[in-house]
Protein backbone atom coordinates (compact mmCIF):
# COMPACT_ATOMS: atom_id res chain seq x y z
CA UNK A 1 -0.09 -14.76 -23.27
CA UNK A 2 -2.09 -11.58 -23.65
CA UNK A 3 -0.59 -8.14 -23.23
CA UNK A 4 -1.00 -6.72 -19.75
CA UNK A 5 -1.21 -3.02 -18.97
CA UNK A 6 -0.14 -1.29 -15.78
CA UNK A 7 -1.47 1.69 -13.89
CA UNK A 8 0.48 2.97 -10.89
CA UNK A 9 -1.69 4.90 -8.50
CA UNK A 10 -4.47 4.39 -6.00
CA UNK A 11 -8.21 3.85 -5.82
CA UNK A 12 -10.45 6.91 -5.81
CA UNK A 13 -13.74 4.99 -5.70
CA UNK A 14 -15.14 1.49 -5.85
CA UNK A 15 -18.51 -0.18 -6.25
CA UNK A 16 -20.38 -2.73 -8.36
CA UNK A 17 -17.19 -4.74 -8.95
CA UNK A 18 -15.45 -1.71 -10.47
CA UNK A 19 -12.70 0.60 -9.28
CA UNK A 20 -11.57 4.00 -10.49
CA UNK A 21 -7.82 4.58 -10.29
CA UNK A 22 -6.01 7.90 -10.14
CA UNK A 23 -2.52 9.31 -9.68
CA UNK A 24 -2.52 11.78 -6.80
CA UNK A 25 -1.07 15.16 -7.72
CA UNK A 26 -0.75 14.44 -11.45
CA UNK A 27 -3.63 15.69 -13.58
CA UNK A 28 -1.73 14.68 -16.73
CA UNK A 29 -2.56 11.00 -16.11
CA UNK A 30 -6.26 10.34 -16.68
CA UNK A 31 -8.24 8.18 -14.24
CA UNK A 32 -8.92 4.61 -15.32
CA UNK A 33 -11.99 2.48 -14.57
CA UNK A 34 -11.44 -1.28 -14.24
CA UNK A 35 -13.74 -4.25 -13.75
CA UNK A 36 -12.59 -6.31 -10.77
CA UNK A 37 -13.25 -10.05 -10.38
CA UNK A 38 -15.15 -11.06 -7.26
CA UNK A 39 -12.32 -12.21 -4.96
CA UNK A 40 -10.05 -9.26 -5.83
CA UNK A 41 -12.95 -6.86 -5.37
CA UNK A 42 -13.62 -8.26 -1.89
CA UNK A 43 -9.95 -7.70 -1.04
CA UNK A 44 -10.12 -4.11 -2.35
CA UNK A 45 -13.29 -3.41 -0.37
CA UNK A 46 -11.69 -4.80 2.79
CA UNK A 47 -8.60 -2.61 2.36
CA UNK A 48 -10.69 0.50 1.58
CA UNK A 49 -12.80 -0.10 4.68
CA UNK A 50 -9.85 -0.08 7.08
CA UNK A 51 -7.31 2.51 8.08
CA UNK A 52 -4.18 0.47 7.44
CA UNK A 53 -1.05 1.84 5.81
CA UNK A 54 -1.60 -0.53 2.86
CA UNK A 55 -4.71 1.43 1.90
CA UNK A 56 -2.56 4.48 1.10
CA UNK A 57 0.29 2.83 -0.83
CA UNK A 58 0.69 3.58 -4.52
CA UNK A 59 0.13 0.21 -6.14
CA UNK A 60 0.60 -1.21 -9.62
CA UNK A 61 -2.68 -2.47 -11.04
CA UNK A 62 -2.19 -4.99 -13.87
CA UNK A 63 -5.10 -5.40 -16.28
CA UNK A 64 -5.86 -6.72 -19.75
CA UNK A 65 -7.26 -5.12 -22.92
CA UNK A 66 -10.81 -5.73 -21.63
CA UNK A 67 -10.00 -3.55 -18.59
CA UNK A 68 -10.26 -6.53 -16.22
CA UNK A 69 -7.95 -6.35 -13.22
CA UNK A 70 -5.62 -9.37 -12.86
CA UNK A 71 -3.16 -8.36 -10.14
CA UNK A 72 -2.39 -5.75 -7.56
CA UNK A 73 1.33 -5.30 -6.93
CA UNK A 74 2.74 -3.42 -3.96
CA UNK A 75 6.26 -2.29 -4.89
CA UNK A 76 9.13 -2.46 -2.43
CA UNK A 77 12.24 -0.36 -2.10
CA UNK A 78 13.97 -3.02 -4.25
CA UNK A 79 12.77 -2.27 -7.79
CA UNK A 80 13.32 -5.86 -8.89
CA UNK A 81 11.12 -7.61 -6.33
CA UNK A 82 7.76 -6.39 -4.96
CA UNK A 83 6.67 -6.43 -1.34
CA UNK A 84 3.34 -8.12 -2.08
CA UNK A 85 1.21 -9.41 -4.99
CA UNK A 86 -2.54 -10.04 -4.77
CA UNK A 87 -4.20 -12.05 -7.55
CA UNK A 88 -6.59 -14.92 -8.17
CA UNK A 89 -6.19 -18.11 -10.21
CA UNK A 90 -9.33 -17.74 -12.34
CA UNK A 91 -11.96 -15.11 -13.02
CA UNK A 92 -14.45 -17.14 -10.97
CA UNK A 93 -12.13 -17.87 -8.02
CA UNK A 94 -13.70 -17.38 -4.60
CA UNK A 95 -10.41 -16.44 -2.89
CA UNK A 96 -7.42 -14.29 -3.64
CA UNK A 97 -3.92 -15.68 -3.70
CA UNK A 98 -1.39 -13.51 -1.89
CA UNK A 99 2.36 -13.61 -2.33
CA UNK A 100 4.40 -11.81 0.31
CA UNK A 101 2.91 -10.66 3.59
CA UNK A 102 -0.60 -12.10 3.92
CA UNK A 103 -1.85 -9.65 6.55
CA UNK A 104 -2.60 -6.05 5.71
CA UNK A 105 0.65 -4.13 5.75
CA UNK A 106 1.35 -1.46 8.35
CA UNK A 107 4.91 -0.55 7.33
CA UNK A 108 5.47 2.95 5.99
CA UNK A 109 5.57 2.87 2.18
CA UNK A 110 9.13 4.17 1.95
CA UNK A 111 10.30 1.31 4.24
CA UNK A 112 8.68 -1.60 2.37
CA UNK A 113 10.99 -4.57 2.02
CA UNK A 114 10.76 -7.07 -0.86
CA UNK A 115 9.04 -10.41 -0.37
CA UNK A 116 11.40 -13.27 0.43
CA UNK A 117 12.83 -15.47 -2.33
CA UNK A 118 10.53 -18.38 -1.49
CA UNK A 119 7.41 -16.24 -1.99
CA UNK A 120 8.85 -14.68 -5.15
CA UNK A 121 9.45 -18.09 -6.76
CA UNK A 122 6.09 -19.36 -5.51
CA UNK A 123 4.47 -16.49 -7.47
CA UNK A 124 6.31 -17.38 -10.69
CA UNK A 125 5.37 -21.05 -10.28
CA UNK A 126 1.72 -20.01 -9.72
CA UNK A 127 1.75 -17.95 -12.92
CA UNK A 128 3.33 -20.76 -14.91
CA UNK A 129 0.81 -23.33 -13.63
CA UNK A 130 -2.26 -21.14 -14.07
CA UNK A 131 -1.49 -19.15 -17.22
CA UNK A 132 -3.72 -21.29 -19.45
CA UNK A 133 -6.71 -20.89 -17.18
CA UNK A 134 -6.26 -17.42 -15.74
CA UNK A 135 -9.17 -15.22 -16.71
CA UNK A 136 -9.45 -16.56 -20.23
CA UNK A 137 -11.35 -19.76 -19.55
CA UNK A 138 -13.65 -19.09 -16.60
């Protein structure tokens, strides 16, 4: 398994299957530009085009050494289990796979509850089943 990097922040701009991430109010953390696979990019564009609470959450963006985004994690108030994870099985996947609440979230960020145990274990099973193919063998 390749090393994954994390950036906690939000999107400042998007276009051409790329996003620029930033940490609001902290000029010490430089912005980061990531390449986003098709299905994840469509999800990002959909979120950015709406005025839902989810658009404004600080998220954890997980990416590899090639600066390709693999997952978007929305943390919950329980540090051990996130509220939602958005990913895709392969680089060429046409659809995202969502663990946790499928619809765009409208809960205030400070009130986010963790995904249920069934969704949490479904995510780990998904990772285990797809790890050989995820992003490395398109």
